Amino acid sequence: MALLDENNELVQIFKLMGHPIRLSIIRLLKDEEFLNVGSIVDALELPQATVSQQLAKLKAGNIVTAQRDGTKVRYSLTNEHVVHIIETLNNEDYEG
C-alpha cells in the first residue's frame, strides 16, 4: 500500500507541474530560496491575479509554502520530489 500512496502523491505532483505557468513558478523557486508574488510577476510578465491563483494551487498541493514577511508573502519550494524532478530536467545530460 505504501507504493500506491507514493504513486498517488507523484501523480498529483505531475498534474500540478503539467501547467506551464505552475512549472515556470516552480523553476523560478528552484533557483531562489524565497520569492514574493511581485518578483514572480516581474519574472514571468503575467498579471498578479494569475500568479496568485497558480501559487494557491501549488500551496494546496504542498509543493510550495508561504511565509509572511511584513506586508509581503514569501514563497519557497518545500517538496523534495519536485526539487529532484526539476534538478533532473535541468541536468545538462537531458536532451529533451
N, C-alpha and C. Protein backbone atom coordinates (compact mmCIF):
# COMPACT_ATOMS: atom_id res chain seq x y z
N MET A 1 0.81 -1.20 0.00
CA MET A 1 0.00 0.00 0.00
C MET A 1 0.86 1.27 0.00
N ALA A 2 2.05 1.21 0.59
CA ALA A 2 2.92 2.38 0.64
C ALA A 2 3.33 2.82 -0.77
N LEU A 3 3.58 1.85 -1.65
CA LEU A 3 3.94 2.19 -3.03
C LEU A 3 2.79 2.90 -3.72
N LEU A 4 1.58 2.42 -3.52
CA LEU A 4 0.41 3.06 -4.12
C LEU A 4 0.24 4.48 -3.60
N ASP A 5 0.44 4.69 -2.31
CA ASP A 5 0.34 6.03 -1.74
C ASP A 5 1.40 6.96 -2.34
N GLU A 6 2.63 6.45 -2.48
CA GLU A 6 3.69 7.26 -3.07
C GLU A 6 3.38 7.58 -4.53
N ASN A 7 2.86 6.61 -5.26
CA ASN A 7 2.49 6.85 -6.65
C ASN A 7 1.39 7.89 -6.76
N ASN A 8 0.41 7.84 -5.86
CA ASN A 8 -0.66 8.84 -5.87
C ASN A 8 -0.11 10.23 -5.62
N GLU A 9 0.85 10.33 -4.71
CA GLU A 9 1.48 11.63 -4.45
C GLU A 9 2.21 12.13 -5.70
N LEU A 10 2.93 11.25 -6.35
CA LEU A 10 3.65 11.64 -7.57
C LEU A 10 2.70 12.04 -8.69
N VAL A 11 1.60 11.34 -8.83
CA VAL A 11 0.61 11.69 -9.85
C VAL A 11 0.09 13.11 -9.61
N GLN A 12 -0.21 13.44 -8.36
CA GLN A 12 -0.69 14.78 -8.03
C GLN A 12 0.38 15.83 -8.33
N ILE A 13 1.63 15.51 -8.04
CA ILE A 13 2.73 16.43 -8.34
C ILE A 13 2.83 16.67 -9.84
N PHE A 14 2.77 15.60 -10.62
CA PHE A 14 2.87 15.75 -12.08
C PHE A 14 1.68 16.52 -12.64
N LYS A 15 0.51 16.34 -12.08
CA LYS A 15 -0.65 17.11 -12.52
C LYS A 15 -0.42 18.60 -12.28
N LEU A 16 0.09 18.93 -11.11
CA LEU A 16 0.35 20.34 -10.82
C LEU A 16 1.47 20.90 -11.69
N MET A 17 2.49 20.09 -11.93
CA MET A 17 3.62 20.55 -12.76
C MET A 17 3.26 20.59 -14.24
N GLY A 18 2.13 19.99 -14.61
CA GLY A 18 1.74 19.91 -16.02
C GLY A 18 1.20 21.20 -16.60
N HIS A 19 1.08 22.22 -15.80
CA HIS A 19 0.59 23.51 -16.28
C HIS A 19 1.81 24.43 -16.51
N PRO A 20 1.90 25.07 -17.67
CA PRO A 20 3.12 25.84 -17.98
C PRO A 20 3.42 26.98 -17.00
N ILE A 21 2.39 27.65 -16.49
CA ILE A 21 2.65 28.73 -15.54
C ILE A 21 3.15 28.16 -14.22
N ARG A 22 2.51 27.09 -13.75
CA ARG A 22 2.95 26.49 -12.48
C ARG A 22 4.37 25.94 -12.61
N LEU A 23 4.68 25.32 -13.74
CA LEU A 23 6.03 24.81 -13.94
C LEU A 23 7.04 25.96 -13.96
N SER A 24 6.67 27.07 -14.57
CA SER A 24 7.57 28.24 -14.59
C SER A 24 7.80 28.76 -13.18
N ILE A 25 6.75 28.82 -12.37
CA ILE A 25 6.88 29.26 -10.99
C ILE A 25 7.80 28.32 -10.22
N ILE A 26 7.58 27.04 -10.39
CA ILE A 26 8.42 26.04 -9.70
C ILE A 26 9.88 26.20 -10.10
N ARG A 27 10.13 26.40 -11.38
CA ARG A 27 11.51 26.55 -11.83
C ARG A 27 12.15 27.82 -11.27
N LEU A 28 11.38 28.89 -11.18
CA LEU A 28 11.90 30.11 -10.56
C LEU A 28 12.24 29.87 -9.09
N LEU A 29 11.33 29.22 -8.39
CA LEU A 29 11.55 28.97 -6.96
C LEU A 29 12.70 28.00 -6.72
N LYS A 30 12.97 27.14 -7.66
CA LYS A 30 14.09 26.20 -7.53
C LYS A 30 15.41 26.96 -7.46
N ASP A 31 15.48 28.08 -8.15
CA ASP A 31 16.73 28.85 -8.22
C ASP A 31 16.87 29.88 -7.10
N GLU A 32 15.79 30.13 -6.37
CA GLU A 32 15.81 31.13 -5.29
C GLU A 32 15.29 30.49 -4.01
N GLU A 33 15.81 30.93 -2.89
CA GLU A 33 15.32 30.39 -1.62
C GLU A 33 13.89 30.83 -1.36
N PHE A 34 13.61 32.12 -1.60
CA PHE A 34 12.28 32.68 -1.43
C PHE A 34 12.01 33.69 -2.53
N LEU A 35 10.76 33.78 -2.96
CA LEU A 35 10.33 34.84 -3.88
C LEU A 35 8.95 35.31 -3.44
N ASN A 36 8.71 36.62 -3.59
CA ASN A 36 7.36 37.11 -3.33
C ASN A 36 6.60 37.17 -4.66
N VAL A 37 5.30 37.41 -4.57
CA VAL A 37 4.46 37.41 -5.76
C VAL A 37 4.96 38.44 -6.78
N GLY A 38 5.33 39.62 -6.30
CA GLY A 38 5.79 40.66 -7.21
C GLY A 38 7.00 40.24 -8.02
N SER A 39 7.92 39.55 -7.40
CA SER A 39 9.11 39.07 -8.11
C SER A 39 8.75 38.04 -9.17
N ILE A 40 7.81 37.18 -8.84
CA ILE A 40 7.37 36.16 -9.80
C ILE A 40 6.61 36.82 -10.95
N VAL A 41 5.76 37.78 -10.63
CA VAL A 41 5.02 38.53 -11.66
C VAL A 41 6.00 39.20 -12.62
N ASP A 42 7.01 39.85 -12.07
CA ASP A 42 8.00 40.53 -12.91
C ASP A 42 8.77 39.54 -13.79
N ALA A 43 9.16 38.41 -13.23
CA ALA A 43 9.95 37.43 -13.98
C ALA A 43 9.14 36.79 -15.09
N LEU A 44 7.86 36.52 -14.84
CA LEU A 44 7.03 35.82 -15.83
C LEU A 44 6.23 36.76 -16.71
N GLU A 45 6.21 38.06 -16.32
CA GLU A 45 5.44 39.06 -17.06
C GLU A 45 3.98 38.63 -17.22
N LEU A 46 3.39 38.27 -16.09
CA LEU A 46 1.99 37.84 -16.04
C LEU A 46 1.25 38.70 -15.02
N PRO A 47 -0.08 38.77 -15.13
CA PRO A 47 -0.85 39.52 -14.14
C PRO A 47 -0.72 38.90 -12.75
N GLN A 48 -0.77 39.75 -11.73
CA GLN A 48 -0.63 39.27 -10.36
C GLN A 48 -1.72 38.27 -10.01
N ALA A 49 -2.94 38.50 -10.49
CA ALA A 49 -4.04 37.58 -10.18
C ALA A 49 -3.76 36.18 -10.71
N THR A 50 -3.17 36.09 -11.89
CA THR A 50 -2.84 34.80 -12.49
C THR A 50 -1.79 34.08 -11.65
N VAL A 51 -0.75 34.80 -11.28
CA VAL A 51 0.34 34.21 -10.49
C VAL A 51 -0.19 33.77 -9.13
N SER A 52 -0.99 34.63 -8.49
CA SER A 52 -1.53 34.29 -7.18
C SER A 52 -2.42 33.05 -7.23
N GLN A 53 -3.22 32.94 -8.29
CA GLN A 53 -4.09 31.78 -8.45
C GLN A 53 -3.27 30.49 -8.57
N GLN A 54 -2.20 30.53 -9.35
CA GLN A 54 -1.36 29.35 -9.54
C GLN A 54 -0.56 29.03 -8.28
N LEU A 55 -0.11 30.04 -7.57
CA LEU A 55 0.59 29.81 -6.31
C LEU A 55 -0.34 29.15 -5.29
N ALA A 56 -1.60 29.56 -5.28
CA ALA A 56 -2.57 28.94 -4.36
C ALA A 56 -2.72 27.45 -4.65
N LYS A 57 -2.73 27.09 -5.92
CA LYS A 57 -2.84 25.67 -6.29
C LYS A 57 -1.59 24.90 -5.87
N LEU A 58 -0.43 25.51 -6.06
CA LEU A 58 0.82 24.86 -5.65
C LEU A 58 0.90 24.72 -4.14
N LYS A 59 0.40 25.71 -3.43
CA LYS A 59 0.38 25.65 -1.97
C LYS A 59 -0.58 24.56 -1.50
N ALA A 60 -1.75 24.48 -2.11
CA ALA A 60 -2.74 23.45 -1.75
C ALA A 60 -2.19 22.05 -2.03
N GLY A 61 -1.33 21.93 -3.04
CA GLY A 61 -0.72 20.65 -3.38
C GLY A 61 0.55 20.35 -2.61
N ASN A 62 0.86 21.18 -1.62
CA ASN A 62 2.04 21.01 -0.77
C ASN A 62 3.35 21.02 -1.55
N ILE A 63 3.39 21.82 -2.59
CA ILE A 63 4.62 21.98 -3.37
C ILE A 63 5.36 23.23 -2.92
N VAL A 64 4.62 24.26 -2.56
CA VAL A 64 5.24 25.48 -2.04
C VAL A 64 4.65 25.80 -0.67
N THR A 65 5.38 26.60 0.05
CA THR A 65 4.91 27.10 1.33
C THR A 65 5.00 28.62 1.29
N ALA A 66 4.19 29.26 2.09
CA ALA A 66 4.15 30.72 2.14
C ALA A 66 4.49 31.18 3.55
N GLN A 67 5.32 32.20 3.63
CA GLN A 67 5.68 32.80 4.92
C GLN A 67 5.50 34.30 4.82
N ARG A 68 4.79 34.85 5.78
CA ARG A 68 4.58 36.30 5.80
C ARG A 68 5.87 36.98 6.24
N ASP A 69 6.22 38.05 5.50
CA ASP A 69 7.39 38.86 5.80
C ASP A 69 6.94 40.31 5.76
N GLY A 70 6.44 40.81 6.89
CA GLY A 70 5.87 42.16 6.92
C GLY A 70 4.59 42.18 6.11
N THR A 71 4.56 43.03 5.08
CA THR A 71 3.36 43.13 4.24
C THR A 71 3.41 42.18 3.05
N LYS A 72 4.52 41.50 2.86
CA LYS A 72 4.68 40.60 1.73
C LYS A 72 4.63 39.15 2.18
N VAL A 73 4.32 38.28 1.23
CA VAL A 73 4.35 36.84 1.47
C VAL A 73 5.45 36.26 0.61
N ARG A 74 6.33 35.49 1.24
CA ARG A 74 7.44 34.86 0.52
C ARG A 74 7.10 33.39 0.29
N TYR A 75 7.34 32.94 -0.93
CA TYR A 75 7.06 31.55 -1.30
C TYR A 75 8.36 30.80 -1.51
N SER A 76 8.34 29.52 -1.17
CA SER A 76 9.50 28.67 -1.40
C SER A 76 9.03 27.26 -1.71
N LEU A 77 9.89 26.51 -2.41
CA LEU A 77 9.60 25.10 -2.68
C LEU A 77 9.79 24.30 -1.41
N THR A 78 8.89 23.36 -1.17
CA THR A 78 9.02 22.53 0.03
C THR A 78 9.00 21.04 -0.28
N ASN A 79 8.64 20.67 -1.49
CA ASN A 79 8.50 19.26 -1.82
C ASN A 79 9.79 18.75 -2.45
N GLU A 80 10.45 17.82 -1.79
CA GLU A 80 11.74 17.30 -2.27
C GLU A 80 11.60 16.52 -3.58
N HIS A 81 10.45 15.89 -3.81
CA HIS A 81 10.23 15.21 -5.09
C HIS A 81 10.30 16.22 -6.24
N VAL A 82 9.67 17.36 -6.04
CA VAL A 82 9.65 18.40 -7.07
C VAL A 82 11.06 18.93 -7.31
N VAL A 83 11.79 19.18 -6.25
CA VAL A 83 13.17 19.66 -6.38
C VAL A 83 13.98 18.66 -7.20
N HIS A 84 13.85 17.39 -6.89
CA HIS A 84 14.60 16.36 -7.62
C HIS A 84 14.18 16.31 -9.09
N ILE A 85 12.90 16.41 -9.36
CA ILE A 85 12.42 16.39 -10.75
C ILE A 85 12.99 17.57 -11.53
N ILE A 86 12.96 18.75 -10.94
CA ILE A 86 13.48 19.94 -11.62
C ILE A 86 14.98 19.83 -11.82
N GLU A 87 15.69 19.33 -10.83
CA GLU A 87 17.13 19.14 -10.98
C GLU A 87 17.42 18.17 -12.12
N THR A 88 16.62 17.11 -12.24
CA THR A 88 16.80 16.15 -13.33
C THR A 88 16.54 16.81 -14.67
N LEU A 89 15.46 17.60 -14.75
CA LEU A 89 15.14 18.29 -16.01
C LEU A 89 16.20 19.31 -16.39
N ASN A 90 16.82 19.92 -15.40
CA ASN A 90 17.84 20.93 -15.66
C ASN A 90 19.22 20.32 -15.90
N ASN A 91 19.33 19.01 -15.72
CA ASN A 91 20.60 18.32 -15.90
C ASN A 91 21.08 18.54 -17.33
N GLU A 92 22.36 18.86 -17.49
CA GLU A 92 22.89 19.13 -18.82
C GLU A 92 22.89 17.91 -19.72
N ASP A 93 22.73 16.71 -19.15
CA ASP A 93 22.66 15.49 -19.97
C ASP A 93 21.29 15.28 -20.58
N TYR A 94 20.30 16.06 -20.13
CA TYR A 94 18.94 15.91 -20.66
C TYR A 94 18.90 16.47 -22.06
N GLU A 95 18.40 15.69 -22.98
CA GLU A 95 18.37 16.11 -24.39
C GLU A 95 16.94 16.11 -24.91
N GLY A 96 15.96 16.61 -24.11
CA GLY A 96 14.55 16.63 -24.48
C GLY A 96 14.27 17.60 -25.48
